């Protein structure tokens, strides 16, 4: 597994060399406000203090 955080909107190129077997690449970006369908959370609720709260995580197999 390879994790990236807050990848820019224009993306990036990742080049892997050698016999890596199965590799999964993750991007975890903080903030969900720009997602289609986003609505503010109901009054009285707050973001979790967990570092994974209010994040978008995308995973893809590297081929």
N, C-alpha and C. Protein backbone atom coordinates (compact mmCIF):
# COMPACT_ATOMS: atom_id res chain seq x y z
N UNK A 1 0.83 -1.18 0.00
CA UNK A 1 0.00 0.00 0.00
C UNK A 1 0.88 1.24 0.00
N UNK A 2 0.43 2.22 -0.75
CA UNK A 2 1.11 3.52 -0.79
C UNK A 2 0.04 4.58 -0.52
N UNK A 3 0.28 5.44 0.47
CA UNK A 3 -0.68 6.48 0.83
C UNK A 3 -0.14 7.86 0.44
N UNK A 4 -1.01 8.67 -0.12
CA UNK A 4 -0.71 10.08 -0.39
C UNK A 4 -1.79 10.90 0.29
N UNK A 5 -1.45 12.10 0.66
CA UNK A 5 -2.39 12.98 1.35
C UNK A 5 -2.51 14.30 0.61
N UNK A 6 -3.76 14.72 0.41
CA UNK A 6 -4.06 16.01 -0.22
C UNK A 6 -3.39 16.17 -1.58
N UNK A 7 -3.61 15.20 -2.45
CA UNK A 7 -3.08 15.27 -3.81
C UNK A 7 -3.72 16.48 -4.51
N UNK A 8 -2.95 17.27 -5.25
CA UNK A 8 -3.52 18.43 -5.93
C UNK A 8 -4.56 18.02 -6.97
N UNK A 9 -5.47 18.92 -7.26
CA UNK A 9 -6.57 18.64 -8.19
C UNK A 9 -6.06 18.20 -9.56
N UNK A 10 -4.91 18.69 -10.00
CA UNK A 10 -4.38 18.30 -11.31
C UNK A 10 -3.76 16.91 -11.29
N UNK A 11 -3.66 16.29 -10.11
CA UNK A 11 -3.13 14.95 -9.99
C UNK A 11 -1.61 14.90 -10.01
N UNK A 12 -1.07 13.71 -10.21
CA UNK A 12 0.38 13.51 -10.26
C UNK A 12 0.65 12.20 -10.98
N UNK A 13 1.89 11.97 -11.30
CA UNK A 13 2.30 10.72 -11.93
C UNK A 13 3.15 9.94 -10.94
N UNK A 14 2.81 8.69 -10.78
CA UNK A 14 3.57 7.79 -9.91
C UNK A 14 4.15 6.69 -10.79
N UNK A 15 5.45 6.53 -10.76
CA UNK A 15 6.11 5.49 -11.54
C UNK A 15 6.75 4.50 -10.58
N UNK A 16 6.39 3.24 -10.71
CA UNK A 16 6.93 2.18 -9.87
C UNK A 16 7.78 1.26 -10.72
N UNK A 17 8.91 0.82 -10.20
CA UNK A 17 9.82 -0.06 -10.94
C UNK A 17 10.04 -1.34 -10.15
N UNK A 18 10.27 -2.43 -10.87
CA UNK A 18 10.60 -3.69 -10.23
C UNK A 18 9.39 -4.57 -10.05
N UNK A 19 9.61 -5.72 -9.44
CA UNK A 19 8.54 -6.68 -9.18
C UNK A 19 7.88 -6.30 -7.85
N UNK A 20 6.79 -5.58 -7.93
CA UNK A 20 6.15 -5.05 -6.73
C UNK A 20 4.97 -5.90 -6.26
N UNK A 21 4.57 -6.87 -7.04
CA UNK A 21 3.39 -7.65 -6.67
C UNK A 21 2.15 -6.77 -6.75
N UNK A 22 1.20 -7.02 -5.89
CA UNK A 22 -0.03 -6.21 -5.86
C UNK A 22 0.22 -4.94 -5.07
N UNK A 23 -0.08 -3.82 -5.67
CA UNK A 23 0.10 -2.52 -5.01
C UNK A 23 -1.21 -1.76 -5.10
N UNK A 24 -1.64 -1.21 -3.99
CA UNK A 24 -2.81 -0.34 -3.97
C UNK A 24 -2.35 1.05 -3.56
N UNK A 25 -2.80 2.05 -4.31
CA UNK A 25 -2.43 3.44 -4.04
C UNK A 25 -3.66 4.16 -3.51
N UNK A 26 -3.49 4.88 -2.40
CA UNK A 26 -4.58 5.61 -1.77
C UNK A 26 -4.27 7.10 -1.78
N UNK A 27 -5.29 7.91 -1.97
CA UNK A 27 -5.20 9.35 -1.73
C UNK A 27 -6.22 9.68 -0.67
N UNK A 28 -5.79 10.36 0.36
CA UNK A 28 -6.71 10.81 1.40
C UNK A 28 -6.63 12.32 1.47
N UNK A 29 -7.74 12.97 1.18
CA UNK A 29 -7.79 14.43 1.14
C UNK A 29 -8.78 14.92 2.18
N UNK A 30 -8.34 15.88 2.97
CA UNK A 30 -9.21 16.44 4.00
C UNK A 30 -10.17 17.43 3.38
N UNK A 31 -11.38 17.45 3.93
CA UNK A 31 -12.40 18.37 3.46
C UNK A 31 -13.37 17.67 2.54
N UNK A 32 -14.65 17.82 2.83
CA UNK A 32 -15.67 17.18 2.01
C UNK A 32 -16.62 18.22 1.41
N UNK A 33 -16.34 19.49 1.66
CA UNK A 33 -17.25 20.55 1.27
C UNK A 33 -17.45 20.67 -0.24
N UNK A 34 -16.48 20.25 -1.03
CA UNK A 34 -16.57 20.40 -2.48
C UNK A 34 -17.19 19.18 -3.18
N UNK A 35 -17.60 18.17 -2.42
CA UNK A 35 -18.20 16.99 -3.02
C UNK A 35 -19.63 17.26 -3.47
N UNK A 36 -20.00 16.68 -4.61
CA UNK A 36 -21.39 16.78 -5.06
C UNK A 36 -22.30 16.21 -3.99
N UNK A 37 -23.38 16.91 -3.68
CA UNK A 37 -24.34 16.44 -2.70
C UNK A 37 -24.01 16.78 -1.27
N UNK A 38 -22.89 17.47 -1.05
CA UNK A 38 -22.51 17.83 0.32
C UNK A 38 -23.56 18.75 0.94
N UNK A 39 -23.89 18.50 2.19
CA UNK A 39 -24.73 19.40 2.97
C UNK A 39 -24.08 19.57 4.33
N UNK A 40 -24.30 20.73 4.94
CA UNK A 40 -23.75 20.95 6.29
C UNK A 40 -24.33 19.92 7.25
N UNK A 41 -23.55 19.52 8.24
CA UNK A 41 -24.05 18.57 9.22
C UNK A 41 -25.12 19.25 10.08
N UNK A 42 -26.03 18.48 10.61
CA UNK A 42 -27.10 19.07 11.42
C UNK A 42 -26.55 19.82 12.64
N UNK A 43 -27.25 20.83 13.04
CA UNK A 43 -26.85 21.62 14.22
C UNK A 43 -26.71 20.68 15.41
N UNK A 44 -25.69 20.91 16.20
CA UNK A 44 -25.45 20.08 17.37
C UNK A 44 -24.47 18.95 17.13
N UNK A 45 -24.15 18.68 15.87
CA UNK A 45 -23.14 17.66 15.56
C UNK A 45 -21.86 18.35 15.15
N UNK A 46 -20.72 17.72 15.48
CA UNK A 46 -19.43 18.29 15.11
C UNK A 46 -18.54 17.22 14.52
N UNK A 47 -17.49 17.67 13.88
CA UNK A 47 -16.51 16.76 13.30
C UNK A 47 -15.86 15.94 14.41
N UNK A 48 -15.58 14.68 14.10
CA UNK A 48 -14.85 13.83 15.02
C UNK A 48 -13.42 14.35 15.18
N UNK A 49 -12.82 14.11 16.30
CA UNK A 49 -11.43 14.52 16.52
C UNK A 49 -10.46 13.54 15.85
N UNK A 50 -10.97 12.42 15.35
CA UNK A 50 -10.15 11.44 14.66
C UNK A 50 -9.55 12.06 13.40
N UNK A 51 -8.31 11.73 13.09
CA UNK A 51 -7.64 12.32 11.92
C UNK A 51 -8.28 11.91 10.60
N UNK A 52 -9.09 10.87 10.60
CA UNK A 52 -9.74 10.42 9.38
C UNK A 52 -11.11 11.07 9.18
N UNK A 53 -11.52 11.90 10.11
CA UNK A 53 -12.83 12.53 10.00
C UNK A 53 -12.84 13.57 8.88
N UNK A 54 -13.97 13.67 8.18
CA UNK A 54 -14.15 14.62 7.09
C UNK A 54 -13.07 14.49 6.03
N UNK A 55 -12.79 13.27 5.64
CA UNK A 55 -11.82 13.02 4.57
C UNK A 55 -12.47 12.25 3.44
N UNK A 56 -11.88 12.36 2.28
CA UNK A 56 -12.28 11.57 1.13
C UNK A 56 -11.10 10.65 0.81
N UNK A 57 -11.35 9.36 0.73
CA UNK A 57 -10.28 8.41 0.43
C UNK A 57 -10.61 7.68 -0.88
N UNK A 58 -9.65 7.70 -1.80
CA UNK A 58 -9.81 7.04 -3.09
C UNK A 58 -8.68 6.02 -3.21
N UNK A 59 -9.02 4.81 -3.64
CA UNK A 59 -8.01 3.76 -3.78
C UNK A 59 -8.07 3.21 -5.20
N UNK A 60 -6.89 2.82 -5.71
CA UNK A 60 -6.83 2.21 -7.04
C UNK A 60 -5.69 1.21 -7.06
N UNK A 61 -5.88 0.12 -7.77
CA UNK A 61 -4.81 -0.85 -7.94
C UNK A 61 -3.84 -0.34 -8.99
N UNK A 62 -2.57 -0.42 -8.70
CA UNK A 62 -1.55 -0.02 -9.66
C UNK A 62 -1.30 -1.18 -10.60
N UNK A 63 -1.38 -0.88 -11.90
CA UNK A 63 -1.14 -1.94 -12.89
C UNK A 63 -0.03 -1.55 -13.83
